[in-house]
């Protein structure tokens, strides 16, 4: 069916054309449906390049690419019409569609996070490999918080009470928020999201949604839409939903674990298992690549100052890149499975990470491991927290590692890495200008 027919069939009046900035924030334009041609495009649709130099505070760093930055040249937006889907909860019939920016010469814009992921996926295609990913995304429901100087608190559930203690996997705890959960599933179904199971996590009013495994690009799109849908649903029920990595002191952080496998494009066979069903050489190489390169791309997994507050011992959060079978103290966990489902779980990304970039960084590290034939360390057979904290502890340290890693820079566009790190440095400068309650509490009358 032509997309124009699909739009008419669903009575679509408006289309939200979505691109994501470096931080994964959805930005874009709203179009009348009649602006979409039968070919599935909207000729003349443009967007300024400066959107890829916006900080989380909404400021422009001015660093985009070369001498064109000061002119803020328009980019051509080409709609990925295969991403077209219904938008739930709108006042008029609306659809979502993702768009890819292109430069004046018609080439894809390398600072676009979606293009970064596409570039890595193309490396796999050249090897006749197809990566498969299943994200697990955690988030908190909180009471409304209109004063950022006040800490977050738990929302009131159906019982009329907030949660006072941890309720990991609690069914009755989930029922406290059943109206919200039902609405999330309903909206997700309308939007065509591949949602699987939902559980109550270890934090108070912390939930986790599992996505069904599939194509990384489509699932990254879905993560972006899911976050938006969940926030909207929470607001209609009188609470907030947050994907901050560490929103509440003394509570577990929120992650975006990525389960990854690679299949042969022609046969569909999982290349992570050999003929005997054991770990293949490619699987071990992939793990070796993750161990070698994930610490070099930490800004893509921990994009904000708050992100590093999550990466501390305990709460099943990683502090290194040890790997082990069914070992959640490791940064890299191998779930027990049969040969067809052999996979590795990257536990480093926070829920605040841009899904395109977190997936791209994971797949790039594994790809380099397979092509460079890297060997992993022995599996961790004990508590991996007993090993050294081997991940960057600050954004400064993490950015310096990424900017200095030649194998990464050979694949990722150097302009992208430069622009990304400049956004992170601008955000860090802003953070460092803020005087925190801790400083007033402990320094005000003592030093």
Protein backbone atom coordinates (compact mmCIF):
# COMPACT_ATOMS: atom_id res chain seq x y z
CA UNK A 1 0.00 0.00 0.00
CA UNK A 2 1.31 3.46 -0.88
CA UNK A 3 2.06 5.57 2.14
CA UNK A 4 -0.36 8.23 0.90
CA UNK A 5 -3.10 5.58 0.98
CA UNK A 6 -2.05 4.58 4.50
CA UNK A 7 -2.35 8.19 5.62
CA UNK A 8 -5.82 8.49 4.11
CA UNK A 9 -6.95 5.16 5.55
CA UNK A 10 -6.06 6.31 9.06
CA UNK A 11 -7.38 9.83 8.53
CA UNK A 12 -3.99 11.32 9.36
CA UNK A 13 -4.03 15.11 9.50
CA UNK A 14 -0.59 15.89 10.91
CA UNK A 15 2.81 14.24 10.76
CA UNK A 16 5.52 14.76 13.33
CA UNK A 17 8.80 14.66 11.45
CA UNK A 18 11.40 13.59 14.02
CA UNK A 19 15.16 13.93 14.13
CA UNK A 20 17.18 13.45 17.31
CA UNK A 21 19.96 15.72 18.44
CA UNK A 22 23.25 14.53 19.89
CA UNK A 23 21.64 13.94 23.30
CA UNK A 24 18.80 11.90 21.81
CA UNK A 25 16.24 14.66 22.32
CA UNK A 26 13.56 14.46 19.62
CA UNK A 27 13.32 17.63 17.57
CA UNK A 28 11.65 18.33 14.26
CA UNK A 29 8.64 19.80 12.50
CA UNK A 30 4.92 19.12 12.29
CA UNK A 31 3.65 18.77 8.72
CA UNK A 32 0.16 18.62 7.25
CA UNK A 33 -0.36 15.13 5.87
CA UNK A 34 -0.91 16.47 2.35
CA UNK A 35 2.73 17.60 2.30
CA UNK A 36 3.77 13.95 1.89
CA UNK A 37 3.98 12.91 -1.73
CA UNK A 38 3.05 9.49 -3.12
CA UNK A 39 6.77 8.68 -3.05
CA UNK A 40 6.75 9.22 0.70
CA UNK A 41 8.78 12.42 0.73
CA UNK A 42 8.16 16.09 1.47
CA UNK A 43 10.19 18.10 -1.06
CA UNK A 44 11.83 21.21 0.31
CA UNK A 45 11.77 20.03 3.94
CA UNK A 46 14.83 21.52 5.64
CA UNK A 47 16.33 21.91 9.10
CA UNK A 48 19.29 24.02 10.36
CA UNK A 49 22.52 22.19 11.07
CA UNK A 50 22.86 23.89 14.45
CA UNK A 51 20.40 21.41 15.96
CA UNK A 52 23.37 19.04 16.26
CA UNK A 53 25.23 21.53 18.47
CA UNK A 54 22.55 21.97 21.14
CA UNK A 55 23.30 21.19 24.77
CA UNK A 56 20.82 19.66 27.20
CA UNK A 57 20.27 23.22 28.50
CA UNK A 58 19.15 24.33 25.03
CA UNK A 59 22.27 26.38 24.29
CA UNK A 60 24.24 26.26 21.05
CA UNK A 61 27.94 25.43 21.22
CA UNK A 62 28.55 26.86 17.75
CA UNK A 63 30.59 23.79 16.83
CA UNK A 64 29.07 21.99 13.88
CA UNK A 65 31.40 21.46 10.97
CA UNK A 66 34.09 23.65 9.51
CA UNK A 67 33.45 27.18 8.28
CA UNK A 68 29.76 26.51 7.67
CA UNK A 69 28.94 26.71 11.39
CA UNK A 70 28.52 30.48 11.57
CA UNK A 71 26.06 30.45 8.66
CA UNK A 72 23.92 27.67 10.15
CA UNK A 73 23.25 26.13 6.75
CA UNK A 74 20.00 24.27 6.17
CA UNK A 75 20.07 20.51 5.77
CA UNK A 76 17.66 18.59 3.56
CA UNK A 77 15.46 16.16 5.49
CA UNK A 78 14.64 12.88 3.78
CA UNK A 79 11.86 10.92 5.42
CA UNK A 80 12.46 7.29 6.36
CA UNK A 81 8.97 6.34 5.28
CA UNK A 82 9.39 2.81 6.64
CA UNK A 83 9.43 4.38 10.13
CA UNK A 84 5.94 5.85 9.66
CA UNK A 85 3.61 4.87 12.50
CA UNK A 86 0.57 6.13 14.38
CA UNK A 87 1.08 8.64 17.19
CA UNK A 88 -1.11 7.82 20.21
CA UNK A 89 -2.76 10.37 22.46
CA UNK A 90 -2.87 13.32 20.05
CA UNK A 91 -5.84 15.68 19.80
CA UNK A 92 -6.07 15.05 16.03
CA UNK A 93 -5.03 11.97 14.00
CA UNK A 94 -1.25 12.17 13.87
CA UNK A 95 1.63 10.00 12.67
CA UNK A 96 5.33 9.85 13.54
CA UNK A 97 8.07 9.58 10.96
CA UNK A 98 11.84 9.75 11.40
CA UNK A 99 13.94 11.81 9.02
CA UNK A 100 17.59 11.74 8.02
CA UNK A 101 19.42 15.02 7.30
CA UNK A 102 21.59 15.37 4.21
CA UNK A 103 24.11 18.03 3.24
CA UNK A 104 24.15 20.25 0.18
CA UNK A 105 26.04 17.60 -1.77
CA UNK A 106 23.34 15.03 -1.02
CA UNK A 107 25.46 12.99 1.37
CA UNK A 108 24.15 11.88 4.79
CA UNK A 109 24.93 14.31 7.60
CA UNK A 110 27.57 12.61 9.72
CA UNK A 111 26.68 14.44 12.92
CA UNK A 112 23.24 12.83 12.98
CA UNK A 113 23.13 10.06 15.63
CA UNK A 114 20.86 8.02 13.37
CA UNK A 115 23.47 8.18 10.61
CA UNK A 116 26.21 7.17 13.07
CA UNK A 117 24.31 3.95 13.74
CA UNK A 118 23.63 3.43 10.03
CA UNK A 119 27.36 3.74 9.33
CA UNK A 120 28.17 0.97 11.80
CA UNK A 121 25.40 -1.27 10.46
CA UNK A 122 26.86 -0.84 6.99
CA UNK A 123 30.19 -2.22 8.24
CA UNK A 124 28.36 -5.38 9.28
CA UNK A 125 26.58 -5.63 5.94
CA UNK A 126 29.93 -5.54 4.16
CA UNK A 127 30.90 -8.66 6.13
CA UNK A 128 27.51 -10.32 5.48
CA UNK A 129 26.70 -10.05 9.17
CA UNK A 130 23.48 -8.75 10.69
CA UNK A 131 23.47 -7.58 14.31
CA UNK A 132 20.40 -8.19 16.46
CA UNK A 133 19.68 -6.14 19.57
CA UNK A 134 17.17 -6.29 22.41
CA UNK A 135 17.15 -3.23 24.71
CA UNK A 136 16.03 -3.30 28.34
CA UNK A 137 15.06 0.16 29.56
CA UNK A 138 14.56 1.20 33.18
CA UNK A 139 12.77 4.31 34.42
CA UNK A 140 11.25 5.80 37.54
CA UNK A 141 7.78 7.13 38.18
CA UNK A 142 7.93 10.08 40.58
CA UNK A 143 5.63 12.60 42.17
CA UNK A 144 5.52 15.93 40.27
CA UNK A 145 8.60 18.02 41.00
CA UNK A 146 8.37 21.69 40.04
CA UNK A 147 11.27 22.87 42.22
CA UNK A 148 14.61 21.43 41.03
CA UNK A 149 16.13 22.29 44.42
CA UNK A 150 13.95 19.63 46.02
CA UNK A 151 14.74 15.89 45.73
CA UNK A 152 12.38 13.59 43.88
CA UNK A 153 9.80 11.62 45.82
CA UNK A 154 7.71 8.56 45.08
CA UNK A 155 4.28 8.92 43.47
CA UNK A 156 1.08 7.84 45.17
CA UNK A 157 -0.12 4.44 43.96
CA UNK A 158 -3.62 2.97 43.79
CA UNK A 159 -3.49 2.24 47.53
CA UNK A 160 -3.13 5.93 48.27
CA UNK A 161 0.40 5.40 49.59
CA UNK A 162 3.90 5.76 48.12
CA UNK A 163 6.32 2.84 48.15
CA UNK A 164 8.35 2.76 51.35
CA UNK A 165 10.69 -0.13 50.53
CA UNK A 166 12.27 -1.93 47.61
CA UNK A 167 9.88 -4.18 45.67
CA UNK A 168 12.02 -6.04 43.10
CA UNK A 169 9.80 -8.07 40.78
CA UNK A 170 6.83 -7.36 43.04
CA UNK A 171 3.51 -8.10 41.33
CA UNK A 172 1.47 -6.19 43.87
CA UNK A 173 3.88 -3.27 43.49
CA UNK A 174 3.23 -3.28 39.74
CA UNK A 175 -0.50 -3.25 40.40
CA UNK A 176 -0.05 0.03 42.29
CA UNK A 177 0.61 1.60 38.88
CA UNK A 178 -1.55 -0.69 36.73
CA UNK A 179 -3.55 2.14 35.10
CA UNK A 180 -0.31 3.75 33.91
CA UNK A 181 1.12 0.42 32.74
CA UNK A 182 -2.07 -0.48 30.87
CA UNK A 183 -1.99 2.88 29.11
CA UNK A 184 1.69 2.47 28.21
CA UNK A 185 1.00 -0.90 26.58
CA UNK A 186 -2.07 0.46 24.83
CA UNK A 187 -0.20 3.47 23.44
CA UNK A 188 2.79 1.29 22.54
CA UNK A 189 0.53 -1.03 20.56
CA UNK A 190 -0.98 1.89 18.65
CA UNK A 191 2.53 3.13 17.83
CA UNK A 192 3.64 -0.35 16.76
CA UNK A 193 6.34 -0.72 19.41
CA UNK A 194 7.76 -4.20 19.95
CA UNK A 195 7.25 -4.23 23.72
CA UNK A 196 7.72 -7.45 25.65
CA UNK A 197 7.60 -7.91 29.42
CA UNK A 198 7.48 -5.22 32.09
CA UNK A 199 8.71 -5.73 35.64
CA UNK A 200 9.07 -3.75 38.84
CA UNK A 201 12.76 -3.12 39.41
CA UNK A 202 14.67 -2.72 42.67
CA UNK A 203 14.11 1.02 43.10
CA UNK A 204 10.98 2.50 44.62
CA UNK A 205 8.51 3.02 41.75
CA UNK A 206 11.19 1.89 39.28
CA UNK A 207 10.01 -0.11 36.27
CA UNK A 208 11.77 -1.90 33.41
CA UNK A 209 10.45 -2.62 29.94
CA UNK A 210 11.99 -5.25 27.65
CA UNK A 211 11.82 -4.80 23.90
CA UNK A 212 11.67 -7.79 21.58
CA UNK A 213 14.93 -8.41 19.72
CA UNK A 214 15.31 -7.05 16.22
CA UNK A 215 16.97 -4.55 13.91
CA UNK A 216 19.07 -2.00 15.85
CA UNK A 217 17.94 1.05 13.85
CA UNK A 218 14.24 0.28 14.23
CA UNK A 219 14.66 -0.47 17.92
CA UNK A 220 16.56 2.77 18.52
CA UNK A 221 13.64 4.58 16.88
CA UNK A 222 11.28 2.72 19.19
CA UNK A 223 13.25 3.65 22.32
CA UNK A 224 12.94 7.33 21.37
CA UNK A 225 9.18 6.99 20.88
CA UNK A 226 8.75 4.87 24.02
CA UNK A 227 10.36 7.52 26.21
CA UNK A 228 8.07 10.15 24.77
CA UNK A 229 4.97 8.02 25.18
CA UNK A 230 5.81 7.08 28.79
CA UNK A 231 6.35 10.70 29.79
CA UNK A 232 3.02 11.69 28.23
CA UNK A 233 1.15 8.82 29.90
CA UNK A 234 2.68 9.61 33.29
CA UNK A 235 1.64 13.25 33.05
CA UNK A 236 -1.95 12.30 32.29
CA UNK A 237 -1.91 10.25 35.52
CA UNK A 238 -0.54 13.04 37.68
CA UNK A 239 3.10 11.94 37.93
CA UNK A 240 6.42 12.19 36.15
CA UNK A 241 8.45 9.53 34.36
CA UNK A 242 12.21 10.03 34.31
CA UNK A 243 14.98 8.23 32.45
CA UNK A 244 17.78 9.93 34.39
CA UNK A 245 20.58 7.49 35.13
CA UNK A 246 20.57 8.26 38.88
CA UNK A 247 17.52 10.33 39.80
CA UNK A 248 17.22 9.49 43.51
CA UNK A 249 19.89 9.26 46.20
CA UNK A 250 20.22 5.86 47.82
CA UNK A 251 18.22 4.15 45.06
CA UNK A 252 19.45 2.06 42.12
CA UNK A 253 20.23 3.82 38.87
CA UNK A 254 18.37 3.28 35.63
CA UNK A 255 20.11 1.50 32.76
CA UNK A 256 19.55 0.64 29.14
CA UNK A 257 21.06 -2.84 28.93
CA UNK A 258 21.69 -4.01 25.37
CA UNK A 259 21.51 -7.73 24.49
CA UNK A 260 23.49 -8.26 21.30
CA UNK A 261 23.98 -11.14 18.91
CA UNK A 262 25.19 -11.32 15.31
CA UNK A 263 23.76 -13.60 12.63
CA UNK A 264 25.00 -14.61 9.22
CA UNK A 265 23.03 -12.55 6.72
CA UNK A 266 22.49 -15.41 4.26
CA UNK A 267 21.78 -18.34 6.57
CA UNK A 268 20.37 -16.48 9.58
CA UNK A 269 22.63 -18.58 11.83
CA UNK A 270 23.91 -17.04 15.03
CA UNK A 271 27.67 -16.62 14.47
CA UNK A 272 28.28 -16.44 18.24
CA UNK A 273 27.95 -20.24 18.52
CA UNK A 274 29.97 -22.92 16.70
CA UNK A 275 28.73 -26.20 15.26
CA UNK A 276 28.88 -27.82 18.70
CA UNK A 277 26.82 -25.04 20.27
CA UNK A 278 29.78 -23.62 22.16
CA UNK A 279 31.10 -20.07 22.15
CA UNK A 280 32.54 -19.41 18.69
CA UNK A 281 35.82 -17.66 17.97
CA UNK A 282 33.84 -14.69 16.65
CA UNK A 283 31.91 -14.48 19.89
CA UNK A 284 35.12 -14.39 21.93
CA UNK A 285 36.54 -11.78 19.55
CA UNK A 286 33.36 -9.71 19.97
CA UNK A 287 33.73 -9.84 23.75
CA UNK A 288 37.41 -8.92 23.41
CA UNK A 289 36.41 -5.91 21.34
CA UNK A 290 33.89 -4.80 23.95
CA UNK A 291 36.49 -5.08 26.69
CA UNK A 292 39.04 -3.15 24.68
CA UNK A 293 36.94 -0.33 23.28
CA UNK A 294 33.89 0.25 25.49
CA UNK A 295 35.94 2.22 28.06
CA UNK A 296 37.09 4.43 25.16
CA UNK A 297 33.54 5.43 24.20
CA UNK A 298 32.00 5.94 27.63
CA UNK A 299 30.55 9.39 26.78
CA UNK A 300 28.12 7.54 24.49
CA UNK A 301 26.95 5.35 27.39
CA UNK A 302 27.20 7.94 30.19
CA UNK A 303 26.38 11.25 28.49
CA UNK A 304 25.85 13.49 31.54
CA UNK A 305 27.43 14.27 34.91
CA UNK A 306 24.53 12.45 36.55
CA UNK A 307 25.32 9.33 34.49
CA UNK A 308 28.54 8.66 36.39
CA UNK A 309 26.67 8.61 39.71
CA UNK A 310 25.12 5.33 38.56
CA UNK A 311 28.46 3.62 37.86
CA UNK A 312 29.36 2.63 41.41
CA UNK A 313 29.62 -0.79 43.09
CA UNK A 314 26.30 -2.34 44.03
CA UNK A 315 22.80 -2.06 42.60
CA UNK A 316 23.98 -4.33 39.72
CA UNK A 317 25.71 -1.35 38.10
CA UNK A 318 29.02 -1.97 36.29
CA UNK A 319 32.41 -0.53 37.23
CA UNK A 320 34.54 -2.49 34.73
CA UNK A 321 34.30 -4.63 31.60
CA UNK A 322 34.81 -8.07 33.08
CA UNK A 323 32.55 -10.70 31.56
CA UNK A 324 30.87 -13.74 32.97
CA UNK A 325 28.08 -16.26 32.57
CA UNK A 326 24.95 -15.10 34.43
CA UNK A 327 27.02 -12.66 36.47
CA UNK A 328 25.35 -9.28 37.02
CA UNK A 329 28.35 -7.80 38.80
CA UNK A 330 30.11 -7.78 35.42
CA UNK A 331 29.84 -5.00 32.88
CA UNK A 332 29.40 -7.72 30.24
CA UNK A 333 27.01 -10.54 31.10
CA UNK A 334 26.41 -13.69 29.08
CA UNK A 335 22.86 -14.95 29.68
CA UNK A 336 22.60 -18.73 29.70
CA UNK A 337 21.01 -19.80 26.40
CA UNK A 338 21.04 -22.28 23.57
CA UNK A 339 23.24 -21.77 20.51
CA UNK A 340 20.58 -19.92 18.54
CA UNK A 341 20.15 -17.33 21.27
CA UNK A 342 23.81 -16.88 22.24
CA UNK A 343 24.31 -13.22 23.09
CA UNK A 344 26.24 -10.75 25.23
CA UNK A 345 24.60 -8.13 27.43
CA UNK A 346 26.30 -4.73 27.56
CA UNK A 347 25.33 -3.33 30.98
CA UNK A 348 27.22 -0.03 30.67
CA UNK A 349 24.63 2.26 29.00
CA UNK A 350 22.38 4.33 31.21
CA UNK A 351 18.72 4.94 30.48
CA UNK A 352 19.74 8.51 29.66
CA UNK A 353 21.97 7.46 26.76
CA UNK A 354 21.06 8.26 23.16
CA UNK A 355 19.97 4.81 21.91
CA UNK A 356 21.43 5.31 18.43
CA UNK A 357 24.84 6.14 19.85
CA UNK A 358 24.80 3.51 22.60
CA UNK A 359 23.97 0.82 20.05
CA UNK A 360 26.48 2.18 17.53
CA UNK A 361 29.29 2.24 20.11
CA UNK A 362 28.51 -1.30 21.28
CA UNK A 363 28.41 -2.68 17.76
CA UNK A 364 31.53 -0.79 16.70
CA UNK A 365 33.53 -2.14 19.64
CA UNK A 366 32.38 -5.69 18.89
CA UNK A 367 33.07 -5.26 15.17
CA UNK A 368 36.62 -4.11 15.86
CA UNK A 369 37.05 -7.12 18.12
CA UNK A 370 35.92 -9.51 15.38
CA UNK A 371 38.01 -7.91 12.64
CA UNK A 372 41.10 -7.42 14.82
CA UNK A 373 40.63 -10.91 16.35
CA UNK A 374 40.91 -9.62 19.90
CA UNK A 375 41.02 -12.10 22.77
CA UNK A 376 38.96 -11.49 25.92
CA UNK A 377 40.23 -11.89 29.44
CA UNK A 378 39.22 -15.05 31.33
CA UNK A 379 35.64 -15.05 32.54
CA UNK A 380 34.96 -13.60 35.97
CA UNK A 381 33.89 -16.52 38.15
CA UNK A 382 33.48 -14.37 41.26
CA UNK A 383 32.17 -10.98 42.35
CA UNK A 384 33.49 -8.58 39.69
CA UNK A 385 33.22 -5.68 42.14
CA UNK A 386 36.38 -7.06 43.74
CA UNK A 387 38.25 -5.98 40.63
CA UNK A 388 39.48 -2.48 39.93
CA UNK A 389 37.12 0.30 38.85
CA UNK A 390 38.25 0.39 35.22
CA UNK A 391 35.75 2.82 33.68
CA UNK A 392 36.20 6.59 33.45
CA UNK A 393 34.86 8.30 36.56
CA UNK A 394 34.24 11.76 35.07
CA UNK A 395 33.13 13.29 31.81
CA UNK A 396 36.52 14.97 31.39
CA UNK A 397 38.31 11.63 31.59
CA UNK A 398 35.76 9.90 29.35
CA UNK A 399 35.89 12.59 26.65
CA UNK A 400 39.68 12.58 26.59
CA UNK A 401 39.72 8.82 26.07
CA UNK A 402 37.26 8.98 23.18
CA UNK A 403 39.00 11.90 21.47
CA UNK A 404 42.32 10.03 21.69
CA UNK A 405 41.24 6.57 20.50
CA UNK A 406 42.51 6.24 16.92
CA UNK A 407 40.66 3.01 15.97
CA UNK A 408 37.37 4.66 16.99
CA UNK A 409 38.18 7.89 15.16
CA UNK A 410 38.94 5.96 11.99
CA UNK A 411 35.33 4.77 11.85
CA UNK A 412 33.31 7.46 13.58
CA UNK A 413 33.35 10.78 11.75
CA UNK A 414 35.97 12.99 13.41
CA UNK A 415 33.60 15.95 13.09
CA UNK A 416 30.95 14.03 15.01
CA UNK A 417 33.34 13.13 17.85
CA UNK A 418 34.56 16.74 18.03
CA UNK A 419 31.02 18.17 18.05
CA UNK A 420 29.77 15.60 20.57
CA UNK A 421 32.60 16.21 23.01
CA UNK A 422 32.16 19.98 22.69
CA UNK A 423 28.51 19.63 23.69
CA UNK A 424 29.55 17.52 26.68
CA UNK A 425 32.22 20.05 27.70
CA UNK A 426 29.73 22.92 27.50
CA UNK A 427 27.29 20.99 29.70
CA UNK A 428 30.06 20.24 32.18
CA UNK A 429 31.03 23.92 32.39
CA UNK A 430 27.41 24.79 33.15
CA UNK A 431 27.21 22.12 35.84
CA UNK A 432 30.42 23.29 37.48
CA UNK A 433 28.97 26.80 37.82
CA UNK A 434 26.20 25.48 40.10
CA UNK A 435 26.65 25.42 43.87
CA UNK A 436 25.10 22.21 45.19
CA UNK A 437 23.23 21.56 48.48
CA UNK A 438 26.15 19.30 49.54
CA UNK A 439 28.53 22.26 49.40
CA UNK A 440 26.21 24.45 51.45
CA UNK A 441 25.57 21.65 53.94
CA UNK A 442 29.18 20.68 54.62
CA UNK A 443 31.22 23.80 53.80
CA UNK A 444 29.08 26.80 54.65
CA UNK A 445 29.92 27.03 58.36
CA UNK A 446 33.00 24.80 58.58
CA UNK A 447 35.70 25.93 56.18
